């Protein structure tokens, strides 16, 4: 064991991965699908259970 301190450069941080983004058309399609699904679920609920 030695009393000499080694000064080493710290490792460089890894570059963050770019976030995956959806294309605007796909995003709009998913929003419309969610809206239609919500209305379908509400219609099914009130049809089956009479609300």
PDB file of N, CA and C in Angstrom:
ATOM      1  N   UNK A   1       0.852  -1.165   0.000  1.00  0.00           N
ATOM      2  CA  UNK A   1       0.000   0.000   0.000  1.00  0.00           C
ATOM      3  C   UNK A   1       0.904   1.237   0.000  1.00  0.00           C
ATOM      4  N   UNK A   2       0.491   2.212  -0.769  1.00  0.00           N
ATOM      5  CA  UNK A   2       1.326   3.386  -0.926  1.00  0.00           C
ATOM      6  C   UNK A   2       0.584   4.612  -0.411  1.00  0.00           C
ATOM      7  N   UNK A   3       1.310   5.613  -0.012  1.00  0.00           N
ATOM      8  CA  UNK A   3       0.720   6.857   0.472  1.00  0.00           C
ATOM      9  C   UNK A   3       0.485   7.850  -0.662  1.00  0.00           C
ATOM     10  N   UNK A   4       0.696   7.439  -1.881  1.00  0.00           N
ATOM     11  CA  UNK A   4       0.538   8.329  -3.020  1.00  0.00           C
ATOM     12  C   UNK A   4      -0.920   8.316  -3.462  1.00  0.00           C
ATOM     13  N   UNK A   5      -1.492   9.504  -3.616  1.00  0.00           N
ATOM     14  CA  UNK A   5      -2.883   9.622  -4.071  1.00  0.00           C
ATOM     15  C   UNK A   5      -2.874   9.749  -5.575  1.00  0.00           C
ATOM     16  N   UNK A   6      -3.646   8.911  -6.226  1.00  0.00           N
ATOM     17  CA  UNK A   6      -3.743   8.993  -7.677  1.00  0.00           C
ATOM     18  C   UNK A   6      -4.909   9.901  -8.035  1.00  0.00           C
ATOM     19  N   UNK A   7      -4.644  10.913  -8.816  1.00  0.00           N
ATOM     20  CA  UNK A   7      -5.694  11.794  -9.291  1.00  0.00           C
ATOM     21  C   UNK A   7      -6.095  11.335 -10.677  1.00  0.00           C
ATOM     22  N   UNK A   8      -7.263  10.745 -10.762  1.00  0.00           N
ATOM     23  CA  UNK A   8      -7.751  10.236 -12.043  1.00  0.00           C
ATOM     24  C   UNK A   8      -8.975  11.021 -12.453  1.00  0.00           C
ATOM     25  N   UNK A   9      -9.082  11.218 -13.742  1.00  0.00           N
ATOM     26  CA  UNK A   9     -10.248  11.919 -14.279  1.00  0.00           C
ATOM     27  C   UNK A   9     -11.471  11.008 -14.120  1.00  0.00           C
ATOM     28  N   UNK A  10     -12.583  11.548 -13.634  1.00  0.00           N
ATOM     29  CA  UNK A  10     -13.775  10.705 -13.492  1.00  0.00           C
ATOM     30  C   UNK A  10     -14.305  10.311 -14.871  1.00  0.00           C
ATOM     31  N   UNK A  11     -14.959   9.178 -14.940  1.00  0.00           N
ATOM     32  CA  UNK A  11     -15.489   8.750 -16.242  1.00  0.00           C
ATOM     33  C   UNK A  11     -16.533   9.742 -16.746  1.00  0.00           C
ATOM     34  N   UNK A  12     -16.558   9.933 -18.053  1.00  0.00           N
ATOM     35  CA  UNK A  12     -17.525  10.864 -18.628  1.00  0.00           C
ATOM     36  C   UNK A  12     -18.923  10.269 -18.538  1.00  0.00           C
ATOM     37  N   UNK A  13     -19.903  11.099 -18.174  1.00  0.00           N
ATOM     38  CA  UNK A  13     -21.274  10.555 -18.080  1.00  0.00           C
ATOM     39  C   UNK A  13     -21.783  10.170 -19.463  1.00  0.00           C
ATOM     40  N   UNK A  14     -22.579   9.121 -19.466  1.00  0.00           N
ATOM     41  CA  UNK A  14     -23.146   8.658 -20.733  1.00  0.00           C
ATOM     42  C   UNK A  14     -24.180   9.659 -21.223  1.00  0.00           C
ATOM     43  N   UNK A  15     -24.230   9.814 -22.511  1.00  0.00           N
ATOM     44  CA  UNK A  15     -25.214  10.726 -23.091  1.00  0.00           C
ATOM     45  C   UNK A  15     -26.608  10.141 -22.891  1.00  0.00           C
ATOM     46  N   UNK A  16     -27.582  10.967 -22.491  1.00  0.00           N
ATOM     47  CA  UNK A  16     -28.940  10.440 -22.290  1.00  0.00           C
ATOM     48  C   UNK A  16     -29.537  10.003 -23.621  1.00  0.00           C
ATOM     49  N   UNK A  17     -30.308   8.937 -23.537  1.00  0.00           N
ATOM     50  CA  UNK A  17     -30.966   8.443 -24.745  1.00  0.00           C
ATOM     51  C   UNK A  17     -32.075   9.412 -25.139  1.00  0.00           C
ATOM     52  N   UNK A  18     -32.222   9.678 -26.407  1.00  0.00           N
ATOM     53  CA  UNK A  18     -33.325  10.566 -26.821  1.00  0.00           C
ATOM     54  C   UNK A  18     -34.664   9.882 -26.576  1.00  0.00           C
ATOM     55  N   UNK A  19     -35.625  10.671 -26.111  1.00  0.00           N
ATOM     56  CA  UNK A  19     -36.944  10.116 -25.835  1.00  0.00           C
ATOM     57  C   UNK A  19     -37.630   9.759 -27.146  1.00  0.00           C
ATOM     58  N   UNK A  20     -38.323   8.644 -27.109  1.00  0.00           N
ATOM     59  CA  UNK A  20     -39.084   8.255 -28.292  1.00  0.00           C
ATOM     60  C   UNK A  20     -40.370   9.054 -28.325  1.00  0.00           C
ATOM     61  N   UNK A  21     -40.610   9.692 -29.439  1.00  0.00           N
ATOM     62  CA  UNK A  21     -41.828  10.469 -29.569  1.00  0.00           C
ATOM     63  C   UNK A  21     -42.695   9.860 -30.649  1.00  0.00           C
ATOM     64  N   UNK A  22     -43.981   9.958 -30.447  1.00  0.00           N
ATOM     65  CA  UNK A  22     -44.920   9.455 -31.436  1.00  0.00           C
ATOM     66  C   UNK A  22     -45.120  10.509 -32.509  1.00  0.00           C
ATOM     67  N   UNK A  23     -45.372  10.042 -33.696  1.00  0.00           N
ATOM     68  CA  UNK A  23     -45.655  10.990 -34.764  1.00  0.00           C
ATOM     69  C   UNK A  23     -46.998  11.659 -34.462  1.00  0.00           C
ATOM     70  N   UNK A  24     -47.182  12.891 -34.928  1.00  0.00           N
ATOM     71  CA  UNK A  24     -48.443  13.595 -34.637  1.00  0.00           C
ATOM     72  C   UNK A  24     -49.678  12.831 -35.132  1.00  0.00           C
ATOM     73  N   UNK A  25     -49.567  12.168 -36.285  1.00  0.00           N
ATOM     74  CA  UNK A  25     -50.715  11.424 -36.804  1.00  0.00           C
ATOM     75  C   UNK A  25     -51.059  10.243 -35.888  1.00  0.00           C
ATOM     76  N   UNK A  26     -50.028   9.542 -35.424  1.00  0.00           N
ATOM     77  CA  UNK A  26     -50.269   8.400 -34.539  1.00  0.00           C
ATOM     78  C   UNK A  26     -50.831   8.872 -33.198  1.00  0.00           C
ATOM     79  N   UNK A  27     -50.314   9.987 -32.694  1.00  0.00           N
ATOM     80  CA  UNK A  27     -50.820  10.528 -31.431  1.00  0.00           C
ATOM     81  C   UNK A  27     -52.292  10.914 -31.558  1.00  0.00           C
ATOM     82  N   UNK A  28     -52.639  11.567 -32.660  1.00  0.00           N
ATOM     83  CA  UNK A  28     -54.026  11.971 -32.879  1.00  0.00           C
ATOM     84  C   UNK A  28     -54.916  10.740 -33.012  1.00  0.00           C
ATOM     85  N   UNK A  29     -54.424   9.706 -33.688  1.00  0.00           N
ATOM     86  CA  UNK A  29     -55.188   8.472 -33.820  1.00  0.00           C
ATOM     87  C   UNK A  29     -55.428   7.803 -32.484  1.00  0.00           C
ATOM     88  N   UNK A  30     -54.408   7.793 -31.631  1.00  0.00           N
ATOM     89  CA  UNK A  30     -54.576   7.182 -30.308  1.00  0.00           C
ATOM     90  C   UNK A  30     -55.560   7.981 -29.449  1.00  0.00           C
ATOM     91  N   UNK A  31     -55.538   9.298 -29.576  1.00  0.00           N
ATOM     92  CA  UNK A  31     -56.488  10.115 -28.818  1.00  0.00           C
ATOM     93  C   UNK A  31     -57.916   9.823 -29.274  1.00  0.00           C
ATOM     94  N   UNK A  32     -58.118   9.777 -30.595  1.00  0.00           N
ATOM     95  CA  UNK A  32     -59.459   9.484 -31.106  1.00  0.00           C
ATOM     96  C   UNK A  32     -59.906   8.081 -30.705  1.00  0.00           C
ATOM     97  N   UNK A  33     -58.996   7.122 -30.729  1.00  0.00           N
ATOM     98  CA  UNK A  33     -59.350   5.766 -30.312  1.00  0.00           C
ATOM     99  C   UNK A  33     -59.754   5.745 -28.840  1.00  0.00           C
ATOM    100  N   UNK A  34     -59.064   6.519 -28.003  1.00  0.00           N
ATOM    101  CA  UNK A  34     -59.417   6.605 -26.584  1.00  0.00           C
ATOM    102  C   UNK A  34     -60.775   7.240 -26.367  1.00  0.00           C
ATOM    103  N   UNK A  35     -61.091   8.279 -27.156  1.00  0.00           N
ATOM    104  CA  UNK A  35     -62.392   8.940 -27.034  1.00  0.00           C
ATOM    105  C   UNK A  35     -63.506   7.981 -27.432  1.00  0.00           C
ATOM    106  N   UNK A  36     -63.312   7.293 -28.556  1.00  0.00           N
ATOM    107  CA  UNK A  36     -64.326   6.340 -29.028  1.00  0.00           C
ATOM    108  C   UNK A  36     -64.490   5.212 -28.013  1.00  0.00           C
ATOM    109  N   UNK A  37     -63.380   4.741 -27.456  1.00  0.00           N
ATOM    110  CA  UNK A  37     -63.443   3.669 -26.460  1.00  0.00           C
ATOM    111  C   UNK A  37     -64.181   4.129 -25.199  1.00  0.00           C
ATOM    112  N   UNK A  38     -63.953   5.359 -24.785  1.00  0.00           N
ATOM    113  CA  UNK A  38     -64.637   5.882 -23.599  1.00  0.00           C
ATOM    114  C   UNK A  38     -66.144   5.973 -23.836  1.00  0.00           C
ATOM    115  N   UNK A  39     -66.545   6.487 -25.018  1.00  0.00           N
ATOM    116  CA  UNK A  39     -67.973   6.554 -25.316  1.00  0.00           C
ATOM    117  C   UNK A  39     -68.576   5.152 -25.412  1.00  0.00           C
ATOM    118  N   UNK A  40     -67.832   4.228 -26.001  1.00  0.00           N
ATOM    119  CA  UNK A  40     -68.322   2.849 -26.091  1.00  0.00           C
ATOM    120  C   UNK A  40     -68.483   2.217 -24.722  1.00  0.00           C
ATOM    121  N   UNK A  41     -67.547   2.483 -23.838  1.00  0.00           N
ATOM    122  CA  UNK A  41     -67.647   1.935 -22.480  1.00  0.00           C
ATOM    123  C   UNK A  41     -68.829   2.549 -21.731  1.00  0.00           C
ATOM    124  N   UNK A  42     -69.041   3.851 -21.893  1.00  0.00           N
ATOM    125  CA  UNK A  42     -70.181   4.496 -21.237  1.00  0.00           C
ATOM    126  C   UNK A  42     -71.495   3.956 -21.785  1.00  0.00           C
ATOM    127  N   UNK A  43     -71.580   3.805 -23.096  1.00  0.00           N
ATOM    128  CA  UNK A  43     -72.800   3.261 -23.709  1.00  0.00           C
ATOM    129  C   UNK A  43     -73.050   1.844 -23.204  1.00  0.00           C
ATOM    130  N   UNK A  44     -72.008   1.030 -23.143  1.00  0.00           N
ATOM    131  CA  UNK A  44     -72.168  -0.343 -22.641  1.00  0.00           C
ATOM    132  C   UNK A  44     -72.607  -0.383 -21.200  1.00  0.00           C
ATOM    133  N   UNK A  45     -72.045   0.496 -20.402  1.00  0.00           N
ATOM    134  CA  UNK A  45     -72.421   0.528 -18.981  1.00  0.00           C
ATOM    135  C   UNK A  45     -73.895   0.879 -18.831  1.00  0.00           C
ATOM    136  N   UNK A  46     -74.346   1.935 -19.500  1.00  0.00           N
ATOM    137  CA  UNK A  46     -75.717   2.353 -19.328  1.00  0.00           C
ATOM    138  C   UNK A  46     -76.696   1.388 -20.009  1.00  0.00           C
ATOM    139  N   UNK A  47     -76.240   0.682 -21.032  1.00  0.00           N
ATOM    140  CA  UNK A  47     -77.115  -0.303 -21.682  1.00  0.00           C
ATOM    141  C   UNK A  47     -77.279  -1.533 -20.806  1.00  0.00           C
ATOM    142  N   UNK A  48     -76.181  -2.004 -20.217  1.00  0.00           N
ATOM    143  CA  UNK A  48     -76.235  -3.236 -19.428  1.00  0.00           C
ATOM    144  C   UNK A  48     -76.782  -3.014 -18.020  1.00  0.00           C
ATOM    145  N   UNK A  49     -76.393  -1.930 -17.395  1.00  0.00           N
ATOM    146  CA  UNK A  49     -76.746  -1.732 -15.995  1.00  0.00           C
ATOM    147  C   UNK A  49     -77.850  -0.693 -15.800  1.00  0.00           C
ATOM    148  N   UNK A  50     -78.269  -0.025 -16.822  1.00  0.00           N
ATOM    149  CA  UNK A  50     -79.381   0.893 -16.720  1.00  0.00           C
ATOM    150  C   UNK A  50     -79.075   2.187 -15.988  1.00  0.00           C
ATOM    151  N   UNK A  51     -77.823   2.393 -15.577  1.00  0.00           N
ATOM    152  CA  UNK A  51     -77.381   3.633 -14.965  1.00  0.00           C
ATOM    153  C   UNK A  51     -78.327   4.162 -13.987  1.00  0.00           C
TER     154      UNK A  51
END
